[in-house]
Amino acid sequence: MGIVLILLGVAAIAFGCARARGPWARYQALKAQDENIARYESWRGGLRDSGTTGASVAMELLRKQARDGALIAVAGLVIVVVGLLMR
């Protein structure tokens, strides 16, 4: 039973990491682009609208997807530990 839990945990860790990697990379790219726009607009002397933009909504969605993938990986780690303790 312990070996089965370890294998399931490793599979969950791999799945969670794979699921979190893509959204996290896209989130970092959008964040960098948003910071670049903010620097440019401050250099120009313009005021930036602080309202909700499509990019901010996308960043929140990507952050949630990355967090969900990380939670799956952490759950897999817990399953591995339980499997090791049962062995």
PDB file of N, CA and C in Angstrom:
ATOM      1  N   MET A   1       0.822  -1.199   0.000  1.00  0.00           N
ATOM      2  CA  MET A   1       0.000   0.000   0.000  1.00  0.00           C
ATOM      3  C   MET A   1       0.870   1.269   0.000  1.00  0.00           C
ATOM      4  N   GLY A   2       1.974   1.215   0.744  1.00  0.00           N
ATOM      5  CA  GLY A   2       2.857   2.378   0.813  1.00  0.00           C
ATOM      6  C   GLY A   2       3.473   2.716  -0.525  1.00  0.00           C
ATOM      7  N   ILE A   3       3.869   1.684  -1.274  1.00  0.00           N
ATOM      8  CA  ILE A   3       4.489   1.913  -2.584  1.00  0.00           C
ATOM      9  C   ILE A   3       3.479   2.509  -3.557  1.00  0.00           C
ATOM     10  N   VAL A   4       2.237   2.066  -3.464  1.00  0.00           N
ATOM     11  CA  VAL A   4       1.182   2.609  -4.331  1.00  0.00           C
ATOM     12  C   VAL A   4       0.968   4.085  -4.022  1.00  0.00           C
ATOM     13  N   LEU A   5       0.965   4.445  -2.735  1.00  0.00           N
ATOM     14  CA  LEU A   5       0.801   5.852  -2.363  1.00  0.00           C
ATOM     15  C   LEU A   5       1.981   6.691  -2.838  1.00  0.00           C
ATOM     16  N   ILE A   6       3.175   6.138  -2.746  1.00  0.00           N
ATOM     17  CA  ILE A   6       4.355   6.871  -3.206  1.00  0.00           C
ATOM     18  C   ILE A   6       4.261   7.128  -4.714  1.00  0.00           C
ATOM     19  N   LEU A   7       3.880   6.114  -5.461  1.00  0.00           N
ATOM     20  CA  LEU A   7       3.748   6.277  -6.915  1.00  0.00           C
ATOM     21  C   LEU A   7       2.649   7.274  -7.274  1.00  0.00           C
ATOM     22  N   LEU A   8       1.521   7.210  -6.561  1.00  0.00           N
ATOM     23  CA  LEU A   8       0.455   8.184  -6.808  1.00  0.00           C
ATOM     24  C   LEU A   8       0.906   9.598  -6.451  1.00  0.00           C
ATOM     25  N   GLY A   9       1.648   9.719  -5.374  1.00  0.00           N
ATOM     26  CA  GLY A   9       2.155  11.030  -4.971  1.00  0.00           C
ATOM     27  C   GLY A   9       3.121  11.612  -5.977  1.00  0.00           C
ATOM     28  N   VAL A  10       4.021  10.783  -6.486  1.00  0.00           N
ATOM     29  CA  VAL A  10       4.980  11.245  -7.500  1.00  0.00           C
ATOM     30  C   VAL A  10       4.239  11.667  -8.771  1.00  0.00           C
ATOM     31  N   ALA A  11       3.222  10.902  -9.139  1.00  0.00           N
ATOM     32  CA  ALA A  11       2.425  11.262 -10.316  1.00  0.00           C
ATOM     33  C   ALA A  11       1.696  12.584 -10.095  1.00  0.00           C
ATOM     34  N   ALA A  12       1.173  12.796  -8.890  1.00  0.00           N
ATOM     35  CA  ALA A  12       0.476  14.051  -8.585  1.00  0.00           C
ATOM     36  C   ALA A  12       1.448  15.228  -8.590  1.00  0.00           C
ATOM     37  N   ILE A  13       2.654  15.015  -8.088  1.00  0.00           N
ATOM     38  CA  ILE A  13       3.659  16.084  -8.114  1.00  0.00           C
ATOM     39  C   ILE A  13       4.006  16.456  -9.552  1.00  0.00           C
ATOM     40  N   ALA A  14       4.233  15.456 -10.384  1.00  0.00           N
ATOM     41  CA  ALA A  14       4.569  15.720 -11.790  1.00  0.00           C
ATOM     42  C   ALA A  14       3.425  16.427 -12.503  1.00  0.00           C
ATOM     43  N   PHE A  15       2.202  15.964 -12.260  1.00  0.00           N
ATOM     44  CA  PHE A  15       1.034  16.586 -12.897  1.00  0.00           C
ATOM     45  C   PHE A  15       0.861  18.028 -12.431  1.00  0.00           C
ATOM     46  N   GLY A  16       1.003  18.254 -11.131  1.00  0.00           N
ATOM     47  CA  GLY A  16       0.842  19.612 -10.588  1.00  0.00           C
ATOM     48  C   GLY A  16       1.892  20.571 -11.113  1.00  0.00           C
ATOM     49  N   CYS A  17       3.137  20.110 -11.178  1.00  0.00           N
ATOM     50  CA  CYS A  17       4.207  20.961 -11.707  1.00  0.00           C
ATOM     51  C   CYS A  17       3.984  21.283 -13.184  1.00  0.00           C
ATOM     52  N   ALA A  18       3.580  20.286 -13.942  1.00  0.00           N
ATOM     53  CA  ALA A  18       3.316  20.509 -15.366  1.00  0.00           C
ATOM     54  C   ALA A  18       2.148  21.457 -15.567  1.00  0.00           C
ATOM     55  N   ARG A  19       1.152  21.335 -14.712  1.00  0.00           N
ATOM     56  CA  ARG A  19      -0.025  22.190 -14.828  1.00  0.00           C
ATOM     57  C   ARG A  19       0.268  23.630 -14.410  1.00  0.00           C
ATOM     58  N   ALA A  20       1.179  23.822 -13.474  1.00  0.00           N
ATOM     59  CA  ALA A  20       1.484  25.165 -12.977  1.00  0.00           C
ATOM     60  C   ALA A  20       2.515  25.892 -13.832  1.00  0.00           C
ATOM     61  N   ARG A  21       3.359  25.160 -14.529  1.00  0.00           N
ATOM     62  CA  ARG A  21       4.478  25.774 -15.254  1.00  0.00           C
ATOM     63  C   ARG A  21       4.023  26.748 -16.340  1.00  0.00           C
ATOM     64  N   GLY A  22       3.081  26.360 -17.164  1.00  0.00           N
ATOM     65  CA  GLY A  22       2.634  27.211 -18.272  1.00  0.00           C
ATOM     66  C   GLY A  22       1.986  28.512 -17.818  1.00  0.00           C
ATOM     67  N   PRO A  23       0.973  28.445 -16.947  1.00  0.00           N
ATOM     68  CA  PRO A  23       0.357  29.690 -16.479  1.00  0.00           C
ATOM     69  C   PRO A  23       1.328  30.598 -15.722  1.00  0.00           C
ATOM     70  N   TRP A  24       2.263  30.007 -14.959  1.00  0.00           N
ATOM     71  CA  TRP A  24       3.207  30.833 -14.205  1.00  0.00           C
ATOM     72  C   TRP A  24       4.144  31.582 -15.153  1.00  0.00           C
ATOM     73  N   ALA A  25       4.589  30.939 -16.217  1.00  0.00           N
ATOM     74  CA  ALA A  25       5.463  31.601 -17.185  1.00  0.00           C
ATOM     75  C   ALA A  25       4.718  32.728 -17.899  1.00  0.00           C
ATOM     76  N   ARG A  26       3.484  32.488 -18.280  1.00  0.00           N
ATOM     77  CA  ARG A  26       2.693  33.523 -18.956  1.00  0.00           C
ATOM     78  C   ARG A  26       2.386  34.674 -18.007  1.00  0.00           C
ATOM     79  N   TYR A  27       2.124  34.356 -16.731  1.00  0.00           N
ATOM     80  CA  TYR A  27       1.884  35.397 -15.722  1.00  0.00           C
ATOM     81  C   TYR A  27       3.110  36.289 -15.574  1.00  0.00           C
ATOM     82  N   GLN A  28       4.299  35.674 -15.502  1.00  0.00           N
ATOM     83  CA  GLN A  28       5.527  36.458 -15.370  1.00  0.00           C
ATOM     84  C   GLN A  28       5.748  37.352 -16.592  1.00  0.00           C
ATOM     85  N   ALA A  29       5.411  36.858 -17.778  1.00  0.00           N
ATOM     86  CA  ALA A  29       5.562  37.664 -18.990  1.00  0.00           C
ATOM     87  C   ALA A  29       4.596  38.848 -18.983  1.00  0.00           C
ATOM     88  N   LEU A  30       3.352  38.612 -18.586  1.00  0.00           N
ATOM     89  CA  LEU A  30       2.381  39.706 -18.516  1.00  0.00           C
ATOM     90  C   LEU A  30       2.763  40.721 -17.451  1.00  0.00           C
ATOM     91  N   LYS A  31       3.285  40.244 -16.340  1.00  0.00           N
ATOM     92  CA  LYS A  31       3.703  41.136 -15.265  1.00  0.00           C
ATOM     93  C   LYS A  31       4.853  42.031 -15.722  1.00  0.00           C
ATOM     94  N   ALA A  32       5.823  41.431 -16.419  1.00  0.00           N
ATOM     95  CA  ALA A  32       6.949  42.211 -16.931  1.00  0.00           C
ATOM     96  C   ALA A  32       6.486  43.238 -17.956  1.00  0.00           C
ATOM     97  N   GLN A  33       5.549  42.843 -18.802  1.00  0.00           N
ATOM     98  CA  GLN A  33       5.026  43.772 -19.803  1.00  0.00           C
ATOM     99  C   GLN A  33       4.260  44.910 -19.127  1.00  0.00           C
ATOM    100  N   ASP A  34       3.501  44.604 -18.100  1.00  0.00           N
ATOM    101  CA  ASP A  34       2.750  45.628 -17.369  1.00  0.00           C
ATOM    102  C   ASP A  34       3.698  46.606 -16.676  1.00  0.00           C
ATOM    103  N   GLU A  35       4.776  46.091 -16.084  1.00  0.00           N
ATOM    104  CA  GLU A  35       5.765  46.963 -15.443  1.00  0.00           C
ATOM    105  C   GLU A  35       6.469  47.840 -16.468  1.00  0.00           C
ATOM    106  N   ASN A  36       6.731  47.298 -17.655  1.00  0.00           N
ATOM    107  CA  ASN A  36       7.372  48.070 -18.716  1.00  0.00           C
ATOM    108  C   ASN A  36       6.459  49.208 -19.179  1.00  0.00           C
ATOM    109  N   ILE A  37       5.180  48.917 -19.316  1.00  0.00           N
ATOM    110  CA  ILE A  37       4.218  49.958 -19.706  1.00  0.00           C
ATOM    111  C   ILE A  37       4.139  51.032 -18.643  1.00  0.00           C
ATOM    112  N   ALA A  38       4.144  50.635 -17.375  1.00  0.00           N
ATOM    113  CA  ALA A  38       4.090  51.611 -16.286  1.00  0.00           C
ATOM    114  C   ALA A  38       5.323  52.514 -16.298  1.00  0.00           C
ATOM    115  N   ARG A  39       6.503  51.922 -16.533  1.00  0.00           N
ATOM    116  CA  ARG A  39       7.728  52.739 -16.615  1.00  0.00           C
ATOM    117  C   ARG A  39       7.665  53.709 -17.783  1.00  0.00           C
ATOM    118  N   TYR A  40       7.185  53.250 -18.925  1.00  0.00           N
ATOM    119  CA  TYR A  40       7.099  54.100 -20.104  1.00  0.00           C
ATOM    120  C   TYR A  40       6.128  55.252 -19.870  1.00  0.00           C
ATOM    121  N   GLU A  41       4.984  54.951 -19.303  1.00  0.00           N
ATOM    122  CA  GLU A  41       3.992  56.004 -19.073  1.00  0.00           C
ATOM    123  C   GLU A  41       4.459  56.997 -18.022  1.00  0.00           C
ATOM    124  N   SER A  42       5.209  56.544 -17.020  1.00  0.00           N
ATOM    125  CA  SER A  42       5.737  57.495 -16.043  1.00  0.00           C
ATOM    126  C   SER A  42       6.825  58.364 -16.676  1.00  0.00           C
ATOM    127  N   TRP A  43       7.596  57.785 -17.592  1.00  0.00           N
ATOM    128  CA  TRP A  43       8.623  58.547 -18.295  1.00  0.00           C
ATOM    129  C   TRP A  43       7.987  59.612 -19.183  1.00  0.00           C
ATOM    130  N   ARG A  44       6.871  59.232 -19.832  1.00  0.00           N
ATOM    131  CA  ARG A  44       6.158  60.168 -20.689  1.00  0.00           C
ATOM    132  C   ARG A  44       5.469  61.255 -19.890  1.00  0.00           C
ATOM    133  N   GLY A  45       5.231  60.997 -18.630  1.00  0.00           N
ATOM    134  CA  GLY A  45       4.555  61.974 -17.796  1.00  0.00           C
ATOM    135  C   GLY A  45       3.051  61.806 -17.785  1.00  0.00           C
ATOM    136  N   GLY A  46       2.563  60.750 -18.394  1.00  0.00           N
ATOM    137  CA  GLY A  46       1.130  60.511 -18.424  1.00  0.00           C
ATOM    138  C   GLY A  46       0.647  59.801 -17.169  1.00  0.00           C
ATOM    139  N   LEU A  47      -0.604  59.968 -16.896  1.00  0.00           N
ATOM    140  CA  LEU A  47      -1.195  59.271 -15.764  1.00  0.00           C
ATOM    141  C   LEU A  47      -1.753  57.945 -16.243  1.00  0.00           C
ATOM    142  N   ARG A  48      -1.555  56.951 -15.456  1.00  0.00           N
ATOM    143  CA  ARG A  48      -2.024  55.618 -15.811  1.00  0.00           C
ATOM    144  C   ARG A  48      -3.349  55.344 -15.126  1.00  0.00           C
ATOM    145  N   ASP A  49      -4.291  54.846 -15.893  1.00  0.00           N
ATOM    146  CA  ASP A  49      -5.588  54.487 -15.339  1.00  0.00           C
ATOM    147  C   ASP A  49      -5.410  53.271 -14.439  1.00  0.00           C
ATOM    148  N   SER A  50      -5.882  53.364 -13.211  1.00  0.00           N
ATOM    149  CA  SER A  50      -5.690  52.264 -12.260  1.00  0.00           C
ATOM    150  C   SER A  50      -6.867  51.294 -12.251  1.00  0.00           C
ATOM    151  N   GLY A  51      -7.745  51.389 -13.229  1.00  0.00           N
ATOM    152  CA  GLY A  51      -8.904  50.502 -13.297  1.00  0.00           C
ATOM    153  C   GLY A  51      -8.527  49.107 -13.753  1.00  0.00           C
ATOM    154  N   THR A  52      -9.521  48.256 -13.794  1.00  0.00           N
ATOM    155  CA  THR A  52      -9.317  46.873 -14.213  1.00  0.00           C
ATOM    156  C   THR A  52      -9.109  46.821 -15.727  1.00  0.00           C
ATOM    157  N   THR A  53      -8.061  46.131 -16.128  1.00  0.00           N
ATOM    158  CA  THR A  53      -7.771  45.959 -17.544  1.00  0.00           C
ATOM    159  C   THR A  53      -7.883  44.476 -17.887  1.00  0.00           C
ATOM    160  N   GLY A  54      -7.878  44.191 -19.159  1.00  0.00           N
ATOM    161  CA  GLY A  54      -7.909  42.799 -19.589  1.00  0.00           C
ATOM    162  C   GLY A  54      -6.669  42.043 -19.139  1.00  0.00           C
ATOM    163  N   ALA A  55      -5.525  42.745 -19.134  1.00  0.00           N
ATOM    164  CA  ALA A  55      -4.283  42.107 -18.696  1.00  0.00           C
ATOM    165  C   ALA A  55      -4.327  41.781 -17.210  1.00  0.00           C
ATOM    166  N   SER A  56      -4.910  42.663 -16.405  1.00  0.00           N
ATOM    167  CA  SER A  56      -4.981  42.389 -14.966  1.00  0.00           C
ATOM    168  C   SER A  56      -5.920  41.220 -14.677  1.00  0.00           C
ATOM    169  N   VAL A  57      -6.994  41.111 -15.446  1.00  0.00           N
ATOM    170  CA  VAL A  57      -7.904  39.971 -15.289  1.00  0.00           C
ATOM    171  C   VAL A  57      -7.199  38.683 -15.703  1.00  0.00           C
ATOM    172  N   ALA A  58      -6.459  38.727 -16.811  1.00  0.00           N
ATOM    173  CA  ALA A  58      -5.716  37.554 -17.272  1.00  0.00           C
ATOM    174  C   ALA A  58      -4.648  37.160 -16.266  1.00  0.00           C
ATOM    175  N   MET A  59      -3.966  38.145 -15.676  1.00  0.00           N
ATOM    176  CA  MET A  59      -2.938  37.851 -14.688  1.00  0.00           C
ATOM    177  C   MET A  59      -3.544  37.180 -13.456  1.00  0.00           C
ATOM    178  N   GLU A  60      -4.685  37.628 -13.024  1.00  0.00           N
ATOM    179  CA  GLU A  60      -5.350  37.007 -11.878  1.00  0.00           C
ATOM    180  C   GLU A  60      -5.753  35.570 -12.202  1.00  0.00           C
ATOM    181  N   LEU A  61      -6.269  35.338 -13.393  1.00  0.00           N
ATOM    182  CA  LEU A  61      -6.655  33.988 -13.807  1.00  0.00           C
ATOM    183  C   LEU A  61      -5.427  33.070 -13.900  1.00  0.00           C
ATOM    184  N   LEU A  62      -4.343  33.568 -14.469  1.00  0.00           N
ATOM    185  CA  LEU A  62      -3.123  32.772 -14.576  1.00  0.00           C
ATOM    186  C   LEU A  62      -2.525  32.475 -13.203  1.00  0.00           C
ATOM    187  N   ARG A  63      -2.587  33.457 -12.307  1.00  0.00           N
ATOM    188  CA  ARG A  63      -2.085  33.244 -10.952  1.00  0.00           C
ATOM    189  C   ARG A  63      -2.896  32.161 -10.242  1.00  0.00           C
ATOM    190  N   LYS A  64      -4.218  32.158 -10.455  1.00  0.00           N
ATOM    191  CA  LYS A  64      -5.081  31.137  -9.849  1.00  0.00           C
ATOM    192  C   LYS A  64      -4.769  29.758 -10.418  1.00  0.00           C
ATOM    193  N   GLN A  65      -4.555  29.667 -11.732  1.00  0.00           N
ATOM    194  CA  GLN A  65      -4.229  28.385 -12.347  1.00  0.00           C
ATOM    195  C   GLN A  65      -2.890  27.850 -11.843  1.00  0.00           C
ATOM    196  N   ALA A  66      -1.910  28.736 -11.701  1.00  0.00           N
ATOM    197  CA  ALA A  66      -0.601  28.323 -11.190  1.00  0.00           C
ATOM    198  C   ALA A  66      -0.711  27.881  -9.732  1.00  0.00           C
ATOM    199  N   ARG A  67      -1.507  28.590  -8.950  1.00  0.00           N
ATOM    200  CA  ARG A  67      -1.707  28.216  -7.545  1.00  0.00           C
ATOM    201  C   ARG A  67      -2.380  26.855  -7.441  1.00  0.00           C
ATOM    202  N   ASP A  68      -3.369  26.596  -8.303  1.00  0.00           N
ATOM    203  CA  ASP A  68      -4.041  25.291  -8.287  1.00  0.00           C
ATOM    204  C   ASP A  68      -3.060  24.165  -8.621  1.00  0.00           C
ATOM    205  N   GLY A  69      -2.201  24.376  -9.592  1.00  0.00           N
ATOM    206  CA  GLY A  69      -1.200  23.380  -9.937  1.00  0.00           C
ATOM    207  C   GLY A  69      -0.218  23.150  -8.798  1.00  0.00           C
ATOM    208  N   ALA A  70       0.173  24.229  -8.125  1.00  0.00           N
ATOM    209  CA  ALA A  70       1.080  24.098  -6.986  1.00  0.00           C
ATOM    210  C   ALA A  70       0.419  23.340  -5.841  1.00  0.00           C
ATOM    211  N   LEU A  71      -0.864  23.569  -5.633  1.00  0.00           N
ATOM    212  CA  LEU A  71      -1.579  22.843  -4.577  1.00  0.00           C
ATOM    213  C   LEU A  71      -1.660  21.352  -4.890  1.00  0.00           C
ATOM    214  N   ILE A  72      -1.825  21.008  -6.157  1.00  0.00           N
ATOM    215  CA  ILE A  72      -1.829  19.596  -6.551  1.00  0.00           C
ATOM    216  C   ILE A  72      -0.462  18.976  -6.263  1.00  0.00           C
ATOM    217  N   ALA A  73       0.611  19.713  -6.565  1.00  0.00           N
ATOM    218  CA  ALA A  73       1.962  19.200  -6.307  1.00  0.00           C
ATOM    219  C   ALA A  73       2.203  19.031  -4.810  1.00  0.00           C
ATOM    220  N   VAL A  74       1.740  19.970  -4.006  1.00  0.00           N
ATOM    221  CA  VAL A  74       1.898  19.862  -2.555  1.00  0.00           C
ATOM    222  C   VAL A  74       1.097  18.682  -2.021  1.00  0.00           C
ATOM    223  N   ALA A  75      -0.108  18.477  -2.537  1.00  0.00           N
ATOM    224  CA  ALA A  75      -0.899  17.317  -2.125  1.00  0.00           C
ATOM    225  C   ALA A  75      -0.173  16.025  -2.493  1.00  0.00           C
ATOM    226  N   GLY A  76       0.466  16.000  -3.636  1.00  0.00           N
ATOM    227  CA  GLY A  76       1.256  14.837  -4.023  1.00  0.00           C
ATOM    228  C   GLY A  76       2.415  14.599  -3.072  1.00  0.00           C
ATOM    229  N   LEU A  77       3.049  15.683  -2.635  1.00  0.00           N
ATOM    230  CA  LEU A  77       4.134  15.556  -1.667  1.00  0.00           C
ATOM    231  C   LEU A  77       3.629  14.972  -0.350  1.00  0.00           C
ATOM    232  N   VAL A  78       2.467  15.404   0.085  1.00  0.00           N
ATOM    233  CA  VAL A  78       1.873  14.863   1.311  1.00  0.00           C
ATOM    234  C   VAL A  78       1.572  13.377   1.139  1.00  0.00           C
ATOM    235  N   ILE A  79       1.073  13.010  -0.019  1.00  0.00           N
ATOM    236  CA  ILE A  79       0.770  11.592  -0.283  1.00  0.00           C
ATOM    237  C   ILE A  79       2.059  10.763  -0.257  1.00  0.00           C
ATOM    238  N   VAL A  80       3.143  11.300  -0.806  1.00  0.00           N
ATOM    239  CA  VAL A  80       4.431  10.592  -0.775  1.00  0.00           C
ATOM    240  C   VAL A  80       4.886  10.391   0.661  1.00  0.00           C
ATOM    241  N   VAL A  81       4.781  11.437   1.477  1.00  0.00           N
ATOM    242  CA  VAL A  81       5.193  11.325   2.886  1.00  0.00           C
ATOM    243  C   VAL A  81       4.355  10.279   3.602  1.00  0.00           C
ATOM    244  N   VAL A  82       3.056  10.289   3.377  1.00  0.00           N
ATOM    245  CA  VAL A  82       2.191   9.289   4.007  1.00  0.00           C
ATOM    246  C   VAL A  82       2.580   7.882   3.533  1.00  0.00           C
ATOM    247  N   GLY A  83       2.877   7.758   2.251  1.00  0.00           N
ATOM    248  CA  GLY A  83       3.302   6.469   1.719  1.00  0.00           C
ATOM    249  C   GLY A  83       4.611   5.991   2.343  1.00  0.00           C
ATOM    250  N   LEU A  84       5.533   6.919   2.571  1.00  0.00           N
ATOM    251  CA  LEU A  84       6.795   6.557   3.210  1.00  0.00           C
ATOM    252  C   LEU A  84       6.578   6.141   4.659  1.00  0.00           C
ATOM    253  N   LEU A  85       5.680   6.822   5.328  1.00  0.00           N
ATOM    254  CA  LEU A  85       5.394   6.477   6.720  1.00  0.00           C
ATOM    255  C   LEU A  85       4.675   5.131   6.838  1.00  0.00           C
ATOM    256  N   MET A  86       3.886   4.767   5.861  1.00  0.00           N
ATOM    257  CA  MET A  86       3.166   3.489   5.891  1.00  0.00           C
ATOM    258  C   MET A  86       4.077   2.318   5.542  1.00  0.00           C
ATOM    259  N   ARG A  87       5.144   2.600   4.839  1.00  0.00           N
ATOM    260  CA  ARG A  87       6.067   1.569   4.420  1.00  0.00           C
ATOM    261  C   ARG A  87       6.862   1.128   5.580  1.00  0.00           C
TER     262      ARG A  87
END
